[in-house]
Protein backbone atom coordinates (compact mmCIF):
# COMPACT_ATOMS: atom_id res chain seq x y z
CA MET A 1 0.00 0.00 0.00
CA LYS A 2 1.20 3.52 -0.83
CA ILE A 3 -0.20 6.78 0.47
CA ASP A 4 -0.06 9.62 -2.10
CA ALA A 5 -0.91 12.94 -0.41
CA ASP A 6 -4.67 12.54 0.05
CA ALA A 7 -5.04 9.24 -1.87
CA LEU A 8 -4.58 5.63 -0.80
CA VAL A 9 -3.07 3.27 -3.37
CA PHE A 10 -3.30 -0.51 -3.03
CA GLU A 11 -1.54 -2.90 -5.42
CA CYS A 12 -1.78 -6.67 -5.69
CA ALA A 13 -1.51 -9.59 -8.12
CA LEU A 14 -4.66 -11.53 -8.96
CA GLU A 15 -4.73 -14.96 -10.59
CA ALA A 16 -7.72 -13.99 -12.77
CA ALA A 17 -7.28 -12.51 -16.27
CA PRO A 18 -8.11 -8.78 -16.72
CA GLU A 19 -11.36 -9.72 -18.51
CA GLN A 20 -12.54 -11.66 -15.44
CA VAL A 21 -11.58 -8.85 -13.07
CA TRP A 22 -13.36 -6.37 -15.37
CA ARG A 23 -16.55 -8.44 -15.16
CA ALA A 24 -16.32 -8.47 -11.35
CA LEU A 25 -16.01 -4.67 -11.36
CA THR A 26 -18.73 -3.85 -13.90
CA ILE A 27 -21.54 -6.37 -13.43
CA PRO A 28 -23.59 -5.10 -10.46
CA VAL A 29 -24.29 -8.53 -8.91
CA LEU A 30 -20.60 -9.51 -9.09
CA LEU A 31 -19.45 -6.08 -7.89
CA GLU A 32 -21.71 -6.34 -4.85
CA ARG A 33 -20.32 -9.80 -4.01
CA TRP A 34 -16.72 -8.69 -4.45
CA LEU A 35 -16.75 -5.29 -2.74
CA ARG A 36 -19.58 -5.89 -0.27
CA PRO A 37 -20.52 -2.19 -0.17
CA ALA A 38 -21.75 -0.77 3.13
CA PRO A 39 -25.33 0.49 3.49
CA GLY A 40 -25.62 4.10 2.35
CA LEU A 41 -22.84 3.76 -0.23
CA GLU A 42 -23.64 5.04 -3.74
CA LEU A 43 -21.43 4.10 -6.70
CA SER A 44 -21.62 5.74 -10.10
CA MET A 45 -19.27 5.10 -13.01
CA VAL A 46 -17.20 8.12 -14.07
CA THR A 47 -14.82 6.69 -16.69
CA ALA A 48 -14.18 3.27 -18.20
CA GLU A 49 -11.66 1.78 -20.60
CA GLU A 50 -12.69 -1.85 -21.06
CA ASN A 51 -10.41 -4.40 -19.37
CA ARG A 52 -7.91 -1.64 -18.47
CA SER A 53 -9.23 1.13 -16.20
CA LEU A 54 -12.41 2.04 -14.36
CA THR A 55 -13.28 4.94 -12.05
CA TYR A 56 -16.30 5.10 -9.75
CA ARG A 57 -17.58 8.09 -7.79
CA TRP A 58 -17.96 6.72 -4.28
CA ARG A 59 -20.49 8.56 -2.06
CA GLU A 60 -20.83 7.49 1.55
CA GLN A 61 -23.62 8.74 3.79
CA GLY A 62 -24.41 8.21 7.43
CA GLN A 63 -22.22 7.38 10.40
CA GLY A 64 -19.10 6.49 8.38
CA ALA A 65 -19.07 9.89 6.68
CA LEU A 66 -17.35 12.76 8.45
CA ILE A 67 -19.67 15.58 7.35
CA GLY A 68 -22.98 14.00 6.32
CA VAL A 69 -21.80 12.95 2.84
CA GLU A 70 -18.26 11.95 1.95
CA GLU A 71 -17.24 11.72 -1.72
CA SER A 72 -14.23 10.10 -3.32
CA LEU A 73 -13.05 8.61 -6.60
CA VAL A 74 -12.03 4.97 -6.70
CA THR A 75 -9.95 3.94 -9.73
CA PHE A 76 -9.14 0.35 -10.66
CA GLU A 77 -6.27 -0.13 -13.10
CA LEU A 78 -5.85 -3.62 -14.61
CA THR A 79 -2.52 -4.68 -16.08
CA PRO A 80 -2.09 -8.17 -17.56
CA THR A 81 0.75 -10.22 -16.10
CA ASN A 82 3.02 -12.66 -17.97
CA GLU A 83 1.39 -15.52 -16.06
CA GLY A 84 -2.10 -14.69 -17.41
CA GLY A 85 -3.27 -12.91 -14.28
CA THR A 86 -3.83 -9.25 -13.44
CA TRP A 87 -1.82 -6.65 -11.57
CA LEU A 88 -4.49 -4.56 -9.84
CA THR A 89 -3.84 -0.98 -8.75
CA LEU A 90 -6.68 0.55 -6.72
CA THR A 91 -6.51 4.28 -5.97
CA HIS A 92 -8.99 5.77 -3.51
CA ALA A 93 -8.80 9.58 -3.59
CA PRO A 94 -11.09 12.02 -1.78
CA VAL A 95 -12.94 14.63 -3.81
CA LEU A 96 -11.79 17.81 -2.14
CA ALA A 97 -14.08 20.82 -1.99
CA PRO A 98 -12.46 24.03 -3.20
CA ALA A 99 -11.54 26.53 -0.49
CA SER A 100 -13.89 29.45 -0.12
CA ALA A 101 -12.82 32.88 -1.38
CA ASN A 102 -12.60 34.22 2.18
CA ASP A 103 -10.43 31.35 3.49
CA ASN A 104 -7.70 33.05 5.55
CA ARG A 105 -5.45 29.97 5.59
CA ARG A 106 -4.27 30.57 2.01
CA GLY A 107 -1.91 33.24 0.77
CA PRO A 108 0.66 35.36 2.60
CA LEU A 109 0.34 36.16 6.26
CA MET A 110 -0.92 39.64 7.09
CA LEU A 111 0.98 41.33 9.89
CA ALA A 112 -0.14 44.46 11.73
CA ALA A 113 2.35 47.33 11.82
């Protein structure tokens, strides 16, 4: 596992071919069995490149969420291995809200004379 700034990155080898992993990630019944999503979790597909890459918008509501609703992007990258399996890279990155225009934490410090 790697941690990139605000994103978590998990990598692992799977014995299944990319086409099989793709099916598990895109067919709702199989996805539910594989990921076992928590109640209140909403998934919606953002981008897809068949058998290679897939990104879901991941919205979590309820007790697990910090501020009512927590949003992130979950990307699955599938790379075929020489053995016929798949190298899976999963990146889970929060969707960060832009800072407000009156946010005093940005920019140079103002000092009184």
